Amino acid sequence: MLNAMAGVIFKLVDEPSWAKAAATGQFDGSAIDARDGYIHLSTVGQVRETAARHFAGQPGLLLIAVAAGPLAGHLRWEPSRGGDLFPHLYGPLPLAAVRAVTALALDDTGRHVFPDLHAPPYTL
């Protein structure tokens, strides 16, 4: 898991929540994050399914690319869907760790259109 922690992980956030984070300098999480006690994040291999399962058809969604390394002291890899390990951040997400913020458009079927996540700025 050390290689994954050195890379980029992702958070899906609605535009109003991200505007609030930009004003305060940190993202404290969504209502679901607060309920669960940590900020839900996804790896490059998980983020598309996360969008499809939890944000299907939602306009105004942002893809936040985060450098995992600076979060290491508060980041835990824990099992979720089918035993897959997901990154969970126990604490606020500092904006200094953010590498990119990208608006996700919806295609004609209501699925989010992702950029190439294997190219900069989504890779380290």
N, C-alpha and C. Protein backbone atom coordinates (compact mmCIF):
# COMPACT_ATOMS: atom_id res chain seq x y z
N MET A 1 0.81 -1.20 0.00
CA MET A 1 0.00 0.00 0.00
C MET A 1 0.86 1.26 0.00
N LEU A 2 2.14 1.13 0.26
CA LEU A 2 3.01 2.31 0.27
C LEU A 2 3.04 3.02 -1.06
N ASN A 3 3.04 2.29 -2.18
CA ASN A 3 3.04 2.93 -3.48
C ASN A 3 1.77 3.74 -3.69
N ALA A 4 0.64 3.20 -3.28
CA ALA A 4 -0.62 3.93 -3.44
C ALA A 4 -0.62 5.19 -2.59
N MET A 5 -0.03 5.13 -1.40
CA MET A 5 -0.02 6.30 -0.53
C MET A 5 0.88 7.40 -1.07
N ALA A 6 1.81 7.05 -1.95
CA ALA A 6 2.69 8.06 -2.52
C ALA A 6 2.05 8.73 -3.72
N GLY A 7 0.89 8.26 -4.15
CA GLY A 7 0.27 8.76 -5.36
C GLY A 7 -0.83 9.76 -5.12
N VAL A 8 -1.75 9.77 -6.06
CA VAL A 8 -2.88 10.69 -6.02
C VAL A 8 -4.15 9.90 -5.72
N ILE A 9 -4.97 10.44 -4.85
CA ILE A 9 -6.28 9.88 -4.54
C ILE A 9 -7.32 10.94 -4.85
N PHE A 10 -8.59 10.57 -4.82
CA PHE A 10 -9.63 11.46 -5.32
C PHE A 10 -10.81 11.60 -4.37
N LYS A 11 -11.41 12.79 -4.42
CA LYS A 11 -12.64 13.07 -3.69
C LYS A 11 -13.62 13.69 -4.68
N LEU A 12 -14.85 13.26 -4.63
CA LEU A 12 -15.92 13.85 -5.42
C LEU A 12 -16.71 14.78 -4.52
N VAL A 13 -16.86 16.03 -4.97
CA VAL A 13 -17.46 17.07 -4.12
C VAL A 13 -18.37 17.95 -4.98
N ASP A 14 -19.50 18.36 -4.42
CA ASP A 14 -20.37 19.29 -5.13
C ASP A 14 -19.76 20.70 -5.07
N GLU A 15 -20.10 21.52 -6.04
CA GLU A 15 -19.50 22.85 -6.16
C GLU A 15 -19.71 23.74 -4.93
N PRO A 16 -20.92 23.80 -4.33
CA PRO A 16 -21.09 24.66 -3.15
C PRO A 16 -20.20 24.23 -1.97
N SER A 17 -20.06 22.94 -1.77
CA SER A 17 -19.21 22.45 -0.67
C SER A 17 -17.75 22.83 -0.91
N TRP A 18 -17.32 22.76 -2.17
CA TRP A 18 -15.94 23.10 -2.47
C TRP A 18 -15.70 24.60 -2.35
N ALA A 19 -16.69 25.41 -2.69
CA ALA A 19 -16.57 26.86 -2.52
C ALA A 19 -16.38 27.20 -1.05
N LYS A 20 -17.09 26.52 -0.17
CA LYS A 20 -16.93 26.72 1.27
C LYS A 20 -15.53 26.32 1.71
N ALA A 21 -15.03 25.21 1.19
CA ALA A 21 -13.67 24.76 1.52
C ALA A 21 -12.63 25.77 1.06
N ALA A 22 -12.82 26.30 -0.13
CA ALA A 22 -11.88 27.29 -0.65
C ALA A 22 -11.83 28.53 0.23
N ALA A 23 -12.95 28.89 0.80
CA ALA A 23 -13.02 30.06 1.67
C ALA A 23 -12.35 29.82 3.03
N THR A 24 -12.35 28.57 3.49
CA THR A 24 -11.81 28.28 4.82
C THR A 24 -10.40 27.67 4.78
N GLY A 25 -9.97 27.19 3.60
CA GLY A 25 -8.64 26.61 3.47
C GLY A 25 -8.57 25.12 3.76
N GLN A 26 -9.72 24.50 4.03
CA GLN A 26 -9.75 23.06 4.24
C GLN A 26 -11.14 22.54 3.94
N PHE A 27 -11.20 21.26 3.57
CA PHE A 27 -12.48 20.61 3.33
C PHE A 27 -12.75 19.70 4.52
N ASP A 28 -13.87 19.96 5.20
CA ASP A 28 -14.21 19.20 6.39
C ASP A 28 -15.07 17.98 6.10
N GLY A 29 -15.41 17.77 4.85
CA GLY A 29 -16.19 16.61 4.47
C GLY A 29 -17.64 16.92 4.21
N SER A 30 -18.31 15.95 3.61
CA SER A 30 -19.74 16.05 3.33
C SER A 30 -20.53 15.57 4.54
N ALA A 31 -21.84 15.62 4.42
CA ALA A 31 -22.70 15.11 5.51
C ALA A 31 -22.44 13.62 5.74
N ILE A 32 -22.24 12.87 4.67
CA ILE A 32 -21.96 11.43 4.80
C ILE A 32 -20.61 11.21 5.48
N ASP A 33 -19.62 12.03 5.11
CA ASP A 33 -18.30 11.94 5.75
C ASP A 33 -18.44 12.20 7.25
N ALA A 34 -19.18 13.24 7.61
CA ALA A 34 -19.36 13.58 9.03
C ALA A 34 -20.05 12.43 9.77
N ARG A 35 -21.05 11.84 9.14
CA ARG A 35 -21.77 10.72 9.75
C ARG A 35 -20.84 9.54 10.01
N ASP A 36 -19.95 9.26 9.05
CA ASP A 36 -19.07 8.10 9.16
C ASP A 36 -17.80 8.38 9.96
N GLY A 37 -17.48 9.64 10.20
CA GLY A 37 -16.32 9.98 11.02
C GLY A 37 -15.01 10.09 10.26
N TYR A 38 -15.07 10.10 8.94
CA TYR A 38 -13.88 10.27 8.11
C TYR A 38 -14.31 10.74 6.73
N ILE A 39 -13.36 11.27 5.97
CA ILE A 39 -13.63 11.71 4.60
C ILE A 39 -13.38 10.53 3.67
N HIS A 40 -14.41 10.18 2.91
CA HIS A 40 -14.32 9.10 1.93
C HIS A 40 -13.51 9.56 0.72
N LEU A 41 -12.51 8.80 0.35
CA LEU A 41 -11.70 9.07 -0.83
C LEU A 41 -11.67 7.82 -1.69
N SER A 42 -11.18 7.96 -2.91
CA SER A 42 -11.09 6.83 -3.84
C SER A 42 -9.76 6.85 -4.56
N THR A 43 -9.32 5.68 -4.98
CA THR A 43 -8.13 5.57 -5.82
C THR A 43 -8.53 5.79 -7.27
N VAL A 44 -7.54 5.85 -8.13
CA VAL A 44 -7.80 6.01 -9.56
C VAL A 44 -8.66 4.87 -10.09
N GLY A 45 -8.51 3.68 -9.56
CA GLY A 45 -9.28 2.54 -9.99
C GLY A 45 -10.68 2.46 -9.40
N GLN A 46 -10.98 3.31 -8.42
CA GLN A 46 -12.26 3.27 -7.72
C GLN A 46 -13.17 4.45 -8.00
N VAL A 47 -12.61 5.58 -8.42
CA VAL A 47 -13.36 6.83 -8.44
C VAL A 47 -14.51 6.82 -9.46
N ARG A 48 -14.35 6.17 -10.58
CA ARG A 48 -15.44 6.14 -11.56
C ARG A 48 -16.65 5.37 -11.01
N GLU A 49 -16.39 4.24 -10.36
CA GLU A 49 -17.49 3.47 -9.77
C GLU A 49 -18.13 4.24 -8.62
N THR A 50 -17.32 4.94 -7.84
CA THR A 50 -17.87 5.77 -6.76
C THR A 50 -18.82 6.81 -7.34
N ALA A 51 -18.43 7.45 -8.43
CA ALA A 51 -19.30 8.44 -9.08
C ALA A 51 -20.60 7.80 -9.55
N ALA A 52 -20.49 6.64 -10.18
CA ALA A 52 -21.68 5.96 -10.70
C ALA A 52 -22.62 5.50 -9.59
N ARG A 53 -22.06 5.02 -8.48
CA ARG A 53 -22.88 4.50 -7.39
C ARG A 53 -23.51 5.59 -6.53
N HIS A 54 -22.75 6.65 -6.26
CA HIS A 54 -23.19 7.62 -5.27
C HIS A 54 -23.54 9.01 -5.82
N PHE A 55 -23.18 9.28 -7.08
CA PHE A 55 -23.41 10.61 -7.63
C PHE A 55 -24.03 10.56 -9.03
N ALA A 56 -24.64 9.46 -9.40
CA ALA A 56 -25.19 9.28 -10.74
C ALA A 56 -26.12 10.43 -11.12
N GLY A 57 -25.86 11.04 -12.26
CA GLY A 57 -26.70 12.10 -12.78
C GLY A 57 -26.58 13.43 -12.08
N GLN A 58 -25.72 13.54 -11.08
CA GLN A 58 -25.61 14.78 -10.32
C GLN A 58 -24.78 15.81 -11.07
N PRO A 59 -25.38 16.94 -11.44
CA PRO A 59 -24.60 18.00 -12.08
C PRO A 59 -23.79 18.77 -11.03
N GLY A 60 -22.83 19.54 -11.50
CA GLY A 60 -22.05 20.37 -10.58
C GLY A 60 -21.10 19.60 -9.70
N LEU A 61 -20.65 18.45 -10.17
CA LEU A 61 -19.74 17.62 -9.39
C LEU A 61 -18.30 17.93 -9.77
N LEU A 62 -17.44 18.02 -8.76
CA LEU A 62 -16.02 18.29 -8.97
C LEU A 62 -15.19 17.07 -8.59
N LEU A 63 -14.16 16.84 -9.37
CA LEU A 63 -13.18 15.80 -9.08
C LEU A 63 -11.99 16.49 -8.44
N ILE A 64 -11.70 16.15 -7.20
CA ILE A 64 -10.59 16.75 -6.47
C ILE A 64 -9.46 15.72 -6.43
N ALA A 65 -8.33 16.06 -7.03
CA ALA A 65 -7.15 15.19 -7.02
C ALA A 65 -6.26 15.63 -5.86
N VAL A 66 -5.90 14.68 -5.02
CA VAL A 66 -5.20 14.97 -3.77
C VAL A 66 -3.91 14.15 -3.69
N ALA A 67 -2.81 14.81 -3.36
CA ALA A 67 -1.56 14.09 -3.10
C ALA A 67 -1.72 13.35 -1.78
N ALA A 68 -1.56 12.03 -1.81
CA ALA A 68 -1.78 11.23 -0.62
C ALA A 68 -0.66 11.38 0.40
N GLY A 69 0.55 11.59 -0.04
CA GLY A 69 1.70 11.65 0.86
C GLY A 69 1.54 12.59 2.04
N PRO A 70 1.13 13.85 1.82
CA PRO A 70 0.98 14.77 2.94
C PRO A 70 -0.10 14.39 3.96
N LEU A 71 -0.95 13.45 3.59
CA LEU A 71 -2.04 13.03 4.48
C LEU A 71 -1.71 11.79 5.29
N ALA A 72 -0.53 11.23 5.07
CA ALA A 72 -0.16 9.91 5.60
C ALA A 72 -0.48 9.72 7.08
N GLY A 73 -0.29 10.72 7.90
CA GLY A 73 -0.55 10.57 9.33
C GLY A 73 -2.02 10.40 9.68
N HIS A 74 -2.91 10.78 8.76
CA HIS A 74 -4.35 10.73 9.03
C HIS A 74 -5.10 9.86 8.04
N LEU A 75 -4.37 9.23 7.12
CA LEU A 75 -4.98 8.43 6.07
C LEU A 75 -4.90 6.95 6.43
N ARG A 76 -6.05 6.28 6.35
CA ARG A 76 -6.10 4.84 6.61
C ARG A 76 -6.70 4.15 5.40
N TRP A 77 -6.18 2.98 5.08
CA TRP A 77 -6.70 2.17 3.99
C TRP A 77 -7.56 1.09 4.61
N GLU A 78 -8.86 1.16 4.37
CA GLU A 78 -9.80 0.27 5.05
C GLU A 78 -10.71 -0.44 4.03
N PRO A 79 -11.10 -1.67 4.34
CA PRO A 79 -11.94 -2.42 3.40
C PRO A 79 -13.34 -1.82 3.28
N SER A 80 -13.84 -1.88 2.06
CA SER A 80 -15.20 -1.43 1.78
C SER A 80 -15.78 -2.36 0.74
N ARG A 81 -16.32 -1.82 -0.36
CA ARG A 81 -16.96 -2.62 -1.41
C ARG A 81 -16.16 -3.88 -1.73
N GLY A 82 -16.72 -5.02 -1.48
CA GLY A 82 -16.11 -6.28 -1.86
C GLY A 82 -14.73 -6.50 -1.28
N GLY A 83 -14.42 -5.86 -0.15
CA GLY A 83 -13.12 -6.01 0.48
C GLY A 83 -12.04 -5.14 -0.11
N ASP A 84 -12.37 -4.34 -1.12
CA ASP A 84 -11.40 -3.42 -1.72
C ASP A 84 -10.99 -2.38 -0.68
N LEU A 85 -9.70 -2.05 -0.62
CA LEU A 85 -9.22 -1.05 0.33
C LEU A 85 -9.44 0.35 -0.22
N PHE A 86 -10.11 1.17 0.57
CA PHE A 86 -10.37 2.56 0.20
C PHE A 86 -9.61 3.47 1.14
N PRO A 87 -9.12 4.61 0.64
CA PRO A 87 -8.48 5.58 1.52
C PRO A 87 -9.54 6.39 2.28
N HIS A 88 -9.38 6.46 3.58
CA HIS A 88 -10.26 7.24 4.46
C HIS A 88 -9.40 8.24 5.22
N LEU A 89 -9.78 9.49 5.17
CA LEU A 89 -9.03 10.55 5.83
C LEU A 89 -9.70 10.91 7.15
N TYR A 90 -8.98 10.70 8.24
CA TYR A 90 -9.48 11.02 9.57
C TYR A 90 -8.97 12.40 9.96
N GLY A 91 -9.72 13.39 9.58
CA GLY A 91 -9.37 14.79 9.79
C GLY A 91 -9.72 15.58 8.55
N PRO A 92 -9.59 16.90 8.61
CA PRO A 92 -9.92 17.73 7.46
C PRO A 92 -8.91 17.54 6.33
N LEU A 93 -9.36 17.80 5.13
CA LEU A 93 -8.50 17.75 3.95
C LEU A 93 -7.91 19.15 3.74
N PRO A 94 -6.60 19.31 3.95
CA PRO A 94 -5.99 20.62 3.73
C PRO A 94 -5.87 20.92 2.24
N LEU A 95 -6.24 22.11 1.83
CA LEU A 95 -6.20 22.45 0.42
C LEU A 95 -4.78 22.45 -0.13
N ALA A 96 -3.79 22.53 0.72
CA ALA A 96 -2.40 22.47 0.27
C ALA A 96 -2.07 21.11 -0.35
N ALA A 97 -2.83 20.07 -0.04
CA ALA A 97 -2.60 18.74 -0.60
C ALA A 97 -3.30 18.54 -1.94
N VAL A 98 -4.13 19.49 -2.35
CA VAL A 98 -4.90 19.36 -3.58
C VAL A 98 -4.03 19.66 -4.79
N ARG A 99 -4.03 18.74 -5.76
CA ARG A 99 -3.24 18.90 -6.99
C ARG A 99 -4.07 19.48 -8.13
N ALA A 100 -5.36 19.17 -8.17
CA ALA A 100 -6.22 19.66 -9.27
C ALA A 100 -7.68 19.58 -8.86
N VAL A 101 -8.46 20.49 -9.41
CA VAL A 101 -9.91 20.49 -9.24
C VAL A 101 -10.50 20.55 -10.65
N THR A 102 -11.30 19.55 -11.00
CA THR A 102 -11.84 19.44 -12.35
C THR A 102 -13.34 19.26 -12.30
N ALA A 103 -14.06 20.09 -13.04
CA ALA A 103 -15.51 19.92 -13.15
C ALA A 103 -15.80 18.71 -14.03
N LEU A 104 -16.74 17.88 -13.60
CA LEU A 104 -17.12 16.70 -14.36
C LEU A 104 -18.43 16.95 -15.08
N ALA A 105 -18.39 16.91 -16.39
CA ALA A 105 -19.61 17.05 -17.19
C ALA A 105 -20.37 15.73 -17.17
N LEU A 106 -21.62 15.80 -17.57
CA LEU A 106 -22.44 14.61 -17.72
C LEU A 106 -22.61 14.31 -19.21
N ASP A 107 -22.53 13.02 -19.57
CA ASP A 107 -22.78 12.66 -20.96
C ASP A 107 -24.29 12.52 -21.17
N ASP A 108 -24.69 12.10 -22.36
CA ASP A 108 -26.12 11.99 -22.70
C ASP A 108 -26.86 10.96 -21.86
N THR A 109 -26.13 10.04 -21.25
CA THR A 109 -26.77 9.01 -20.42
C THR A 109 -26.76 9.37 -18.94
N GLY A 110 -26.20 10.54 -18.58
CA GLY A 110 -26.14 10.97 -17.19
C GLY A 110 -24.92 10.48 -16.43
N ARG A 111 -23.97 9.88 -17.16
CA ARG A 111 -22.72 9.42 -16.53
C ARG A 111 -21.71 10.55 -16.56
N HIS A 112 -20.88 10.62 -15.53
CA HIS A 112 -19.84 11.64 -15.47
C HIS A 112 -18.71 11.32 -16.44
N VAL A 113 -18.22 12.36 -17.09
CA VAL A 113 -17.13 12.23 -18.05
C VAL A 113 -15.84 12.60 -17.34
N PHE A 114 -14.93 11.64 -17.23
CA PHE A 114 -13.67 11.83 -16.51
C PHE A 114 -12.54 12.17 -17.47
N PRO A 115 -11.59 12.97 -17.00
CA PRO A 115 -10.38 13.21 -17.79
C PRO A 115 -9.48 11.97 -17.71
N ASP A 116 -8.36 12.01 -18.40
CA ASP A 116 -7.38 10.92 -18.34
C ASP A 116 -6.70 10.98 -16.97
N LEU A 117 -7.05 10.07 -16.10
CA LEU A 117 -6.52 10.08 -14.73
C LEU A 117 -5.12 9.49 -14.62
N HIS A 118 -4.58 9.05 -15.75
CA HIS A 118 -3.22 8.49 -15.76
C HIS A 118 -2.23 9.48 -16.34
N ALA A 119 -2.61 10.75 -16.39
CA ALA A 119 -1.75 11.81 -16.91
C ALA A 119 -1.72 12.96 -15.90
N PRO A 120 -0.67 13.77 -15.93
CA PRO A 120 -0.63 14.94 -15.02
C PRO A 120 -1.84 15.82 -15.27
N PRO A 121 -2.38 16.45 -14.26
CA PRO A 121 -1.91 16.56 -12.87
C PRO A 121 -2.43 15.47 -11.97
N TYR A 122 -2.97 14.40 -12.55
CA TYR A 122 -3.57 13.34 -11.75
C TYR A 122 -2.58 12.25 -11.35
N THR A 123 -1.35 12.42 -11.71
CA THR A 123 -0.29 11.48 -11.34
C THR A 123 0.84 12.25 -10.69
N LEU A 124 1.64 11.56 -9.92
CA LEU A 124 2.83 12.17 -9.31
C LEU A 124 4.06 11.60 -9.96
